[in-house]
């Protein structure tokens, strides 16, 4: 499956790598880091929608899974970032 969609997964890898790099680049400002985390979640969901649309495997259940994973990741990272 990965071989069939290698370009899709490379794009996802680039998105995630850039988000991690930006997160560390903006280590001086938690607000910027939070913006990077939220942006990464949005791009992850967008990637999932596009990937499944192009793969002709577009189902609401799969998209909900991407949304829930993004929300969970955002909650975990942001709670660690802004812990008291």
PDB file of N, CA and C in Angstrom:
ATOM      1  N   UNK A   1       0.818  -1.193   0.000  1.00  0.00           N
ATOM      2  CA  UNK A   1       0.000   0.000   0.000  1.00  0.00           C
ATOM      3  C   UNK A   1       0.863   1.259   0.000  1.00  0.00           C
ATOM      4  N   UNK A   2       1.921   1.250   0.780  1.00  0.00           N
ATOM      5  CA  UNK A   2       2.776   2.433   0.836  1.00  0.00           C
ATOM      6  C   UNK A   2       3.453   2.656  -0.517  1.00  0.00           C
ATOM      7  N   UNK A   3       3.838   1.579  -1.187  1.00  0.00           N
ATOM      8  CA  UNK A   3       4.487   1.717  -2.494  1.00  0.00           C
ATOM      9  C   UNK A   3       3.578   2.395  -3.505  1.00  0.00           C
ATOM     10  N   UNK A   4       2.282   2.130  -3.416  1.00  0.00           N
ATOM     11  CA  UNK A   4       1.337   2.699  -4.365  1.00  0.00           C
ATOM     12  C   UNK A   4       1.165   4.202  -4.165  1.00  0.00           C
ATOM     13  N   UNK A   5       1.372   4.667  -2.940  1.00  0.00           N
ATOM     14  CA  UNK A   5       1.123   6.064  -2.600  1.00  0.00           C
ATOM     15  C   UNK A   5       2.351   6.718  -1.969  1.00  0.00           C
ATOM     16  N   UNK A   6       3.519   6.369  -2.455  1.00  0.00           N
ATOM     17  CA  UNK A   6       4.758   6.853  -1.848  1.00  0.00           C
ATOM     18  C   UNK A   6       4.828   8.385  -1.849  1.00  0.00           C
ATOM     19  N   UNK A   7       4.346   9.017  -2.889  1.00  0.00           N
ATOM     20  CA  UNK A   7       4.372  10.485  -2.957  1.00  0.00           C
ATOM     21  C   UNK A   7       3.496  11.073  -1.860  1.00  0.00           C
ATOM     22  N   UNK A   8       2.339  10.481  -1.633  1.00  0.00           N
ATOM     23  CA  UNK A   8       1.442  10.970  -0.578  1.00  0.00           C
ATOM     24  C   UNK A   8       2.135  10.922   0.785  1.00  0.00           C
ATOM     25  N   UNK A   9       2.777   9.798   1.061  1.00  0.00           N
ATOM     26  CA  UNK A   9       3.425   9.642   2.357  1.00  0.00           C
ATOM     27  C   UNK A   9       4.669  10.514   2.481  1.00  0.00           C
ATOM     28  N   UNK A  10       5.353  10.767   1.386  1.00  0.00           N
ATOM     29  CA  UNK A  10       6.484  11.700   1.426  1.00  0.00           C
ATOM     30  C   UNK A  10       6.005  13.115   1.741  1.00  0.00           C
ATOM     31  N   UNK A  11       4.865  13.500   1.187  1.00  0.00           N
ATOM     32  CA  UNK A  11       4.297  14.814   1.493  1.00  0.00           C
ATOM     33  C   UNK A  11       3.952  14.890   2.978  1.00  0.00           C
ATOM     34  N   UNK A  12       3.336  13.842   3.519  1.00  0.00           N
ATOM     35  CA  UNK A  12       3.026  13.814   4.954  1.00  0.00           C
ATOM     36  C   UNK A  12       4.298  13.915   5.786  1.00  0.00           C
ATOM     37  N   UNK A  13       5.332  13.208   5.385  1.00  0.00           N
ATOM     38  CA  UNK A  13       6.599  13.257   6.106  1.00  0.00           C
ATOM     39  C   UNK A  13       7.191  14.661   6.087  1.00  0.00           C
ATOM     40  N   UNK A  14       7.121  15.328   4.958  1.00  0.00           N
ATOM     41  CA  UNK A  14       7.621  16.706   4.856  1.00  0.00           C
ATOM     42  C   UNK A  14       6.816  17.626   5.763  1.00  0.00           C
ATOM     43  N   UNK A  15       5.487  17.488   5.757  1.00  0.00           N
ATOM     44  CA  UNK A  15       4.636  18.307   6.626  1.00  0.00           C
ATOM     45  C   UNK A  15       5.017  18.115   8.088  1.00  0.00           C
ATOM     46  N   UNK A  16       5.140  16.872   8.515  1.00  0.00           N
ATOM     47  CA  UNK A  16       5.464  16.599   9.914  1.00  0.00           C
ATOM     48  C   UNK A  16       6.878  17.058  10.268  1.00  0.00           C
ATOM     49  N   UNK A  17       7.833  16.862   9.356  1.00  0.00           N
ATOM     50  CA  UNK A  17       9.209  17.317   9.607  1.00  0.00           C
ATOM     51  C   UNK A  17       9.285  18.835   9.730  1.00  0.00           C
ATOM     52  N   UNK A  18       8.596  19.538   8.846  1.00  0.00           N
ATOM     53  CA  UNK A  18       8.587  20.997   8.919  1.00  0.00           C
ATOM     54  C   UNK A  18       7.915  21.478  10.206  1.00  0.00           C
ATOM     55  N   UNK A  19       6.877  20.797  10.628  1.00  0.00           N
ATOM     56  CA  UNK A  19       6.199  21.182  11.868  1.00  0.00           C
ATOM     57  C   UNK A  19       7.113  20.974  13.075  1.00  0.00           C
ATOM     58  N   UNK A  20       7.816  19.864  13.109  1.00  0.00           N
ATOM     59  CA  UNK A  20       8.748  19.619  14.223  1.00  0.00           C
ATOM     60  C   UNK A  20       9.874  20.648  14.207  1.00  0.00           C
ATOM     61  N   UNK A  21      10.408  20.942  13.031  1.00  0.00           N
ATOM     62  CA  UNK A  21      11.471  21.939  12.922  1.00  0.00           C
ATOM     63  C   UNK A  21      10.975  23.314  13.368  1.00  0.00           C
ATOM     64  N   UNK A  22       9.773  23.689  12.944  1.00  0.00           N
ATOM     65  CA  UNK A  22       9.216  24.984  13.333  1.00  0.00           C
ATOM     66  C   UNK A  22       8.944  25.023  14.829  1.00  0.00           C
ATOM     67  N   UNK A  23       8.515  23.911  15.398  1.00  0.00           N
ATOM     68  CA  UNK A  23       8.255  23.852  16.834  1.00  0.00           C
ATOM     69  C   UNK A  23       9.533  24.166  17.617  1.00  0.00           C
ATOM     70  N   UNK A  24      10.643  23.577  17.196  1.00  0.00           N
ATOM     71  CA  UNK A  24      11.907  23.836  17.885  1.00  0.00           C
ATOM     72  C   UNK A  24      12.479  25.204  17.528  1.00  0.00           C
ATOM     73  N   UNK A  25      12.246  25.658  16.314  1.00  0.00           N
ATOM     74  CA  UNK A  25      12.707  26.976  15.897  1.00  0.00           C
ATOM     75  C   UNK A  25      12.052  28.072  16.743  1.00  0.00           C
ATOM     76  N   UNK A  26      10.787  27.890  17.069  1.00  0.00           N
ATOM     77  CA  UNK A  26      10.050  28.871  17.866  1.00  0.00           C
ATOM     78  C   UNK A  26      10.026  28.514  19.346  1.00  0.00           C
ATOM     79  N   UNK A  27      11.072  27.877  19.823  1.00  0.00           N
ATOM     80  CA  UNK A  27      11.113  27.466  21.233  1.00  0.00           C
ATOM     81  C   UNK A  27      11.120  28.655  22.190  1.00  0.00           C
ATOM     82  N   UNK A  28      11.375  29.851  21.694  1.00  0.00           N
ATOM     83  CA  UNK A  28      11.397  31.048  22.527  1.00  0.00           C
ATOM     84  C   UNK A  28       9.996  31.589  22.816  1.00  0.00           C
ATOM     85  N   UNK A  29       8.972  31.096  22.097  1.00  0.00           N
ATOM     86  CA  UNK A  29       7.631  31.648  22.240  1.00  0.00           C
ATOM     87  C   UNK A  29       6.586  30.526  22.211  1.00  0.00           C
ATOM     88  N   UNK A  30       5.926  30.304  23.332  1.00  0.00           N
ATOM     89  CA  UNK A  30       4.941  29.226  23.420  1.00  0.00           C
ATOM     90  C   UNK A  30       3.717  29.472  22.545  1.00  0.00           C
ATOM     91  N   UNK A  31       3.387  30.720  22.322  1.00  0.00           N
ATOM     92  CA  UNK A  31       2.238  31.023  21.460  1.00  0.00           C
ATOM     93  C   UNK A  31       2.516  30.599  20.026  1.00  0.00           C
ATOM     94  N   UNK A  32       3.720  30.863  19.555  1.00  0.00           N
ATOM     95  CA  UNK A  32       4.105  30.430  18.206  1.00  0.00           C
ATOM     96  C   UNK A  32       4.118  28.910  18.119  1.00  0.00           C
ATOM     97  N   UNK A  33       4.630  28.280  19.168  1.00  0.00           N
ATOM     98  CA  UNK A  33       4.660  26.824  19.183  1.00  0.00           C
ATOM     99  C   UNK A  33       3.245  26.259  19.133  1.00  0.00           C
ATOM    100  N   UNK A  34       2.333  26.881  19.864  1.00  0.00           N
ATOM    101  CA  UNK A  34       0.943  26.433  19.847  1.00  0.00           C
ATOM    102  C   UNK A  34       0.358  26.587  18.450  1.00  0.00           C
ATOM    103  N   UNK A  35       0.671  27.685  17.780  1.00  0.00           N
ATOM    104  CA  UNK A  35       0.196  27.898  16.412  1.00  0.00           C
ATOM    105  C   UNK A  35       0.738  26.823  15.474  1.00  0.00           C
ATOM    106  N   UNK A  36       1.987  26.437  15.675  1.00  0.00           N
ATOM    107  CA  UNK A  36       2.588  25.377  14.856  1.00  0.00           C
ATOM    108  C   UNK A  36       1.864  24.056  15.101  1.00  0.00           C
ATOM    109  N   UNK A  37       1.571  23.757  16.351  1.00  0.00           N
ATOM    110  CA  UNK A  37       0.892  22.503  16.693  1.00  0.00           C
ATOM    111  C   UNK A  37      -0.501  22.460  16.071  1.00  0.00           C
ATOM    112  N   UNK A  38      -1.249  23.538  16.201  1.00  0.00           N
ATOM    113  CA  UNK A  38      -2.597  23.588  15.627  1.00  0.00           C
ATOM    114  C   UNK A  38      -2.529  23.503  14.100  1.00  0.00           C
ATOM    115  N   UNK A  39      -1.579  24.209  13.511  1.00  0.00           N
ATOM    116  CA  UNK A  39      -1.410  24.161  12.053  1.00  0.00           C
ATOM    117  C   UNK A  39      -1.056  22.755  11.586  1.00  0.00           C
ATOM    118  N   UNK A  40      -0.209  22.085  12.344  1.00  0.00           N
ATOM    119  CA  UNK A  40       0.156  20.723  11.997  1.00  0.00           C
ATOM    120  C   UNK A  40      -1.072  19.821  12.030  1.00  0.00           C
ATOM    121  N   UNK A  41      -1.925  19.988  13.029  1.00  0.00           N
ATOM    122  CA  UNK A  41      -3.141  19.193  13.109  1.00  0.00           C
ATOM    123  C   UNK A  41      -4.060  19.438  11.930  1.00  0.00           C
ATOM    124  N   UNK A  42      -4.211  20.697  11.554  1.00  0.00           N
ATOM    125  CA  UNK A  42      -5.064  21.043  10.413  1.00  0.00           C
ATOM    126  C   UNK A  42      -4.494  20.462   9.118  1.00  0.00           C
ATOM    127  N   UNK A  43      -3.186  20.588   8.933  1.00  0.00           N
ATOM    128  CA  UNK A  43      -2.558  20.039   7.726  1.00  0.00           C
ATOM    129  C   UNK A  43      -2.642  18.512   7.691  1.00  0.00           C
ATOM    130  N   UNK A  44      -2.546  17.879   8.853  1.00  0.00           N
ATOM    131  CA  UNK A  44      -2.668  16.420   8.930  1.00  0.00           C
ATOM    132  C   UNK A  44      -4.061  15.979   8.481  1.00  0.00           C
ATOM    133  N   UNK A  45      -5.083  16.669   8.958  1.00  0.00           N
ATOM    134  CA  UNK A  45      -6.451  16.339   8.559  1.00  0.00           C
ATOM    135  C   UNK A  45      -6.647  16.613   7.066  1.00  0.00           C
ATOM    136  N   UNK A  46      -6.144  17.742   6.589  1.00  0.00           N
ATOM    137  CA  UNK A  46      -6.257  18.070   5.163  1.00  0.00           C
ATOM    138  C   UNK A  46      -5.549  17.013   4.319  1.00  0.00           C
ATOM    139  N   UNK A  47      -4.368  16.588   4.763  1.00  0.00           N
ATOM    140  CA  UNK A  47      -3.643  15.548   4.037  1.00  0.00           C
ATOM    141  C   UNK A  47      -4.470  14.269   3.989  1.00  0.00           C
ATOM    142  N   UNK A  48      -5.072  13.900   5.107  1.00  0.00           N
ATOM    143  CA  UNK A  48      -5.893  12.685   5.142  1.00  0.00           C
ATOM    144  C   UNK A  48      -7.067  12.750   4.187  1.00  0.00           C
ATOM    145  N   UNK A  49      -7.725  13.899   4.143  1.00  0.00           N
ATOM    146  CA  UNK A  49      -8.858  14.070   3.234  1.00  0.00           C
ATOM    147  C   UNK A  49      -8.391  13.945   1.785  1.00  0.00           C
ATOM    148  N   UNK A  50      -7.324  14.654   1.448  1.00  0.00           N
ATOM    149  CA  UNK A  50      -6.806  14.620   0.068  1.00  0.00           C
ATOM    150  C   UNK A  50      -6.332  13.218  -0.295  1.00  0.00           C
ATOM    151  N   UNK A  51      -5.618  12.587   0.619  1.00  0.00           N
ATOM    152  CA  UNK A  51      -5.095  11.237   0.366  1.00  0.00           C
ATOM    153  C   UNK A  51      -6.227  10.259   0.075  1.00  0.00           C
ATOM    154  N   UNK A  52      -7.252  10.271   0.902  1.00  0.00           N
ATOM    155  CA  UNK A  52      -8.353   9.331   0.701  1.00  0.00           C
ATOM    156  C   UNK A  52      -9.202   9.696  -0.515  1.00  0.00           C
ATOM    157  N   UNK A  53      -9.305  10.978  -0.818  1.00  0.00           N
ATOM    158  CA  UNK A  53     -10.042  11.393  -2.010  1.00  0.00           C
ATOM    159  C   UNK A  53      -9.329  10.895  -3.265  1.00  0.00           C
ATOM    160  N   UNK A  54      -8.019  11.080  -3.317  1.00  0.00           N
ATOM    161  CA  UNK A  54      -7.250  10.640  -4.484  1.00  0.00           C
ATOM    162  C   UNK A  54      -7.182   9.118  -4.588  1.00  0.00           C
ATOM    163  N   UNK A  55      -7.229   8.448  -3.449  1.00  0.00           N
ATOM    164  CA  UNK A  55      -7.179   6.984  -3.435  1.00  0.00           C
ATOM    165  C   UNK A  55      -8.544   6.363  -3.693  1.00  0.00           C
ATOM    166  N   UNK A  56      -9.559   7.209  -3.867  1.00  0.00           N
ATOM    167  CA  UNK A  56     -10.939   6.771  -4.070  1.00  0.00           C
ATOM    168  C   UNK A  56     -11.406   5.879  -2.935  1.00  0.00           C
ATOM    169  N   UNK A  57     -10.976   6.235  -1.728  1.00  0.00           N
ATOM    170  CA  UNK A  57     -11.319   5.483  -0.520  1.00  0.00           C
ATOM    171  C   UNK A  57     -11.846   6.465   0.531  1.00  0.00           C
ATOM    172  N   UNK A  58     -12.630   7.423   0.074  1.00  0.00           N
ATOM    173  CA  UNK A  58     -13.093   8.510   0.930  1.00  0.00           C
ATOM    174  C   UNK A  58     -14.327   8.062   1.707  1.00  0.00           C
ATOM    175  N   UNK A  59     -14.166   7.915   3.028  1.00  0.00           N
ATOM    176  CA  UNK A  59     -15.267   7.541   3.911  1.00  0.00           C
ATOM    177  C   UNK A  59     -15.255   8.469   5.109  1.00  0.00           C
ATOM    178  N   UNK A  60     -16.419   8.816   5.580  1.00  0.00           N
ATOM    179  CA  UNK A  60     -16.540   9.706   6.729  1.00  0.00           C
ATOM    180  C   UNK A  60     -15.828   9.132   7.949  1.00  0.00           C
ATOM    181  N   UNK A  61     -15.888   7.829   8.106  1.00  0.00           N
ATOM    182  CA  UNK A  61     -15.244   7.179   9.253  1.00  0.00           C
ATOM    183  C   UNK A  61     -13.735   7.421   9.261  1.00  0.00           C
ATOM    184  N   UNK A  62     -13.112   7.344   8.113  1.00  0.00           N
ATOM    185  CA  UNK A  62     -11.665   7.573   8.025  1.00  0.00           C
ATOM    186  C   UNK A  62     -11.333   9.020   8.344  1.00  0.00           C
ATOM    187  N   UNK A  63     -12.146   9.945   7.844  1.00  0.00           N
ATOM    188  CA  UNK A  63     -11.893  11.365   8.097  1.00  0.00           C
ATOM    189  C   UNK A  63     -12.085  11.677   9.583  1.00  0.00           C
ATOM    190  N   UNK A  64     -13.113  11.095  10.191  1.00  0.00           N
ATOM    191  CA  UNK A  64     -13.315  11.280  11.633  1.00  0.00           C
ATOM    192  C   UNK A  64     -12.122  10.770  12.424  1.00  0.00           C
ATOM    193  N   UNK A  65     -11.527   9.687  11.957  1.00  0.00           N
ATOM    194  CA  UNK A  65     -10.341   9.156  12.625  1.00  0.00           C
ATOM    195  C   UNK A  65      -9.187  10.166  12.558  1.00  0.00           C
ATOM    196  N   UNK A  66      -8.968  10.768  11.400  1.00  0.00           N
ATOM    197  CA  UNK A  66      -7.919  11.783  11.277  1.00  0.00           C
ATOM    198  C   UNK A  66      -8.203  12.972  12.189  1.00  0.00           C
ATOM    199  N   UNK A  67      -9.456  13.409  12.224  1.00  0.00           N
ATOM    200  CA  UNK A  67      -9.826  14.546  13.066  1.00  0.00           C
ATOM    201  C   UNK A  67      -9.607  14.216  14.539  1.00  0.00           C
ATOM    202  N   UNK A  68     -10.025  13.045  14.970  1.00  0.00           N
ATOM    203  CA  UNK A  68      -9.877  12.668  16.380  1.00  0.00           C
ATOM    204  C   UNK A  68      -8.410  12.507  16.777  1.00  0.00           C
ATOM    205  N   UNK A  69      -7.610  11.936  15.897  1.00  0.00           N
ATOM    206  CA  UNK A  69      -6.173  11.806  16.180  1.00  0.00           C
ATOM    207  C   UNK A  69      -5.537  13.184  16.293  1.00  0.00           C
ATOM    208  N   UNK A  70      -5.906  14.097  15.393  1.00  0.00           N
ATOM    209  CA  UNK A  70      -5.354  15.454  15.431  1.00  0.00           C
ATOM    210  C   UNK A  70      -5.772  16.169  16.718  1.00  0.00           C
ATOM    211  N   UNK A  71      -7.031  16.017  17.111  1.00  0.00           N
ATOM    212  CA  UNK A  71      -7.498  16.652  18.349  1.00  0.00           C
ATOM    213  C   UNK A  71      -6.761  16.078  19.547  1.00  0.00           C
ATOM    214  N   UNK A  72      -6.622  14.772  19.601  1.00  0.00           N
ATOM    215  CA  UNK A  72      -5.918  14.141  20.718  1.00  0.00           C
ATOM    216  C   UNK A  72      -4.462  14.601  20.781  1.00  0.00           C
ATOM    217  N   UNK A  73      -3.791  14.623  19.647  1.00  0.00           N
ATOM    218  CA  UNK A  73      -2.394  15.069  19.620  1.00  0.00           C
ATOM    219  C   UNK A  73      -2.280  16.524  20.053  1.00  0.00           C
ATOM    220  N   UNK A  74      -3.205  17.365  19.580  1.00  0.00           N
ATOM    221  CA  UNK A  74      -3.197  18.771  19.978  1.00  0.00           C
ATOM    222  C   UNK A  74      -3.409  18.918  21.476  1.00  0.00           C
ATOM    223  N   UNK A  75      -4.357  18.180  22.023  1.00  0.00           N
ATOM    224  CA  UNK A  75      -4.618  18.262  23.460  1.00  0.00           C
ATOM    225  C   UNK A  75      -3.397  17.851  24.281  1.00  0.00           C
ATOM    226  N   UNK A  76      -2.765  16.778  23.882  1.00  0.00           N
ATOM    227  CA  UNK A  76      -1.599  16.296  24.622  1.00  0.00           C
ATOM    228  C   UNK A  76      -0.448  17.299  24.533  1.00  0.00           C
ATOM    229  N   UNK A  77      -0.119  17.722  23.319  1.00  0.00           N
ATOM    230  CA  UNK A  77       1.032  18.626  23.139  1.00  0.00           C
ATOM    231  C   UNK A  77       0.773  19.981  23.769  1.00  0.00           C
ATOM    232  N   UNK A  78      -0.423  20.536  23.563  1.00  0.00           N
ATOM    233  CA  UNK A  78      -0.722  21.857  24.125  1.00  0.00           C
ATOM    234  C   UNK A  78      -0.802  21.812  25.645  1.00  0.00           C
ATOM    235  N   UNK A  79      -1.308  20.720  26.213  1.00  0.00           N
ATOM    236  CA  UNK A  79      -1.348  20.635  27.672  1.00  0.00           C
ATOM    237  C   UNK A  79       0.058  20.526  28.246  1.00  0.00           C
ATOM    238  N   UNK A  80       0.952  19.863  27.549  1.00  0.00           N
ATOM    239  CA  UNK A  80       2.346  19.808  27.998  1.00  0.00           C
ATOM    240  C   UNK A  80       3.032  21.164  27.822  1.00  0.00           C
ATOM    241  N   UNK A  81       2.686  21.859  26.757  1.00  0.00           N
ATOM    242  CA  UNK A  81       3.294  23.140  26.466  1.00  0.00           C
ATOM    243  C   UNK A  81       2.880  24.218  27.479  1.00  0.00           C
ATOM    244  N   UNK A  82       1.613  24.198  27.859  1.00  0.00           N
ATOM    245  CA  UNK A  82       1.096  25.250  28.744  1.00  0.00           C
ATOM    246  C   UNK A  82       0.812  24.768  30.167  1.00  0.00           C
ATOM    247  N   UNK A  83       1.469  23.701  30.568  1.00  0.00           N
ATOM    248  CA  UNK A  83       1.232  23.220  31.941  1.00  0.00           C
ATOM    249  C   UNK A  83       1.693  24.263  32.951  1.00  0.00           C
ATOM    250  N   UNK A  84       1.029  24.264  34.060  1.00  0.00           N
ATOM    251  CA  UNK A  84       1.292  25.288  35.093  1.00  0.00           C
ATOM    252  C   UNK A  84       2.577  25.010  35.852  1.00  0.00           C
TER     253      UNK A  84
END
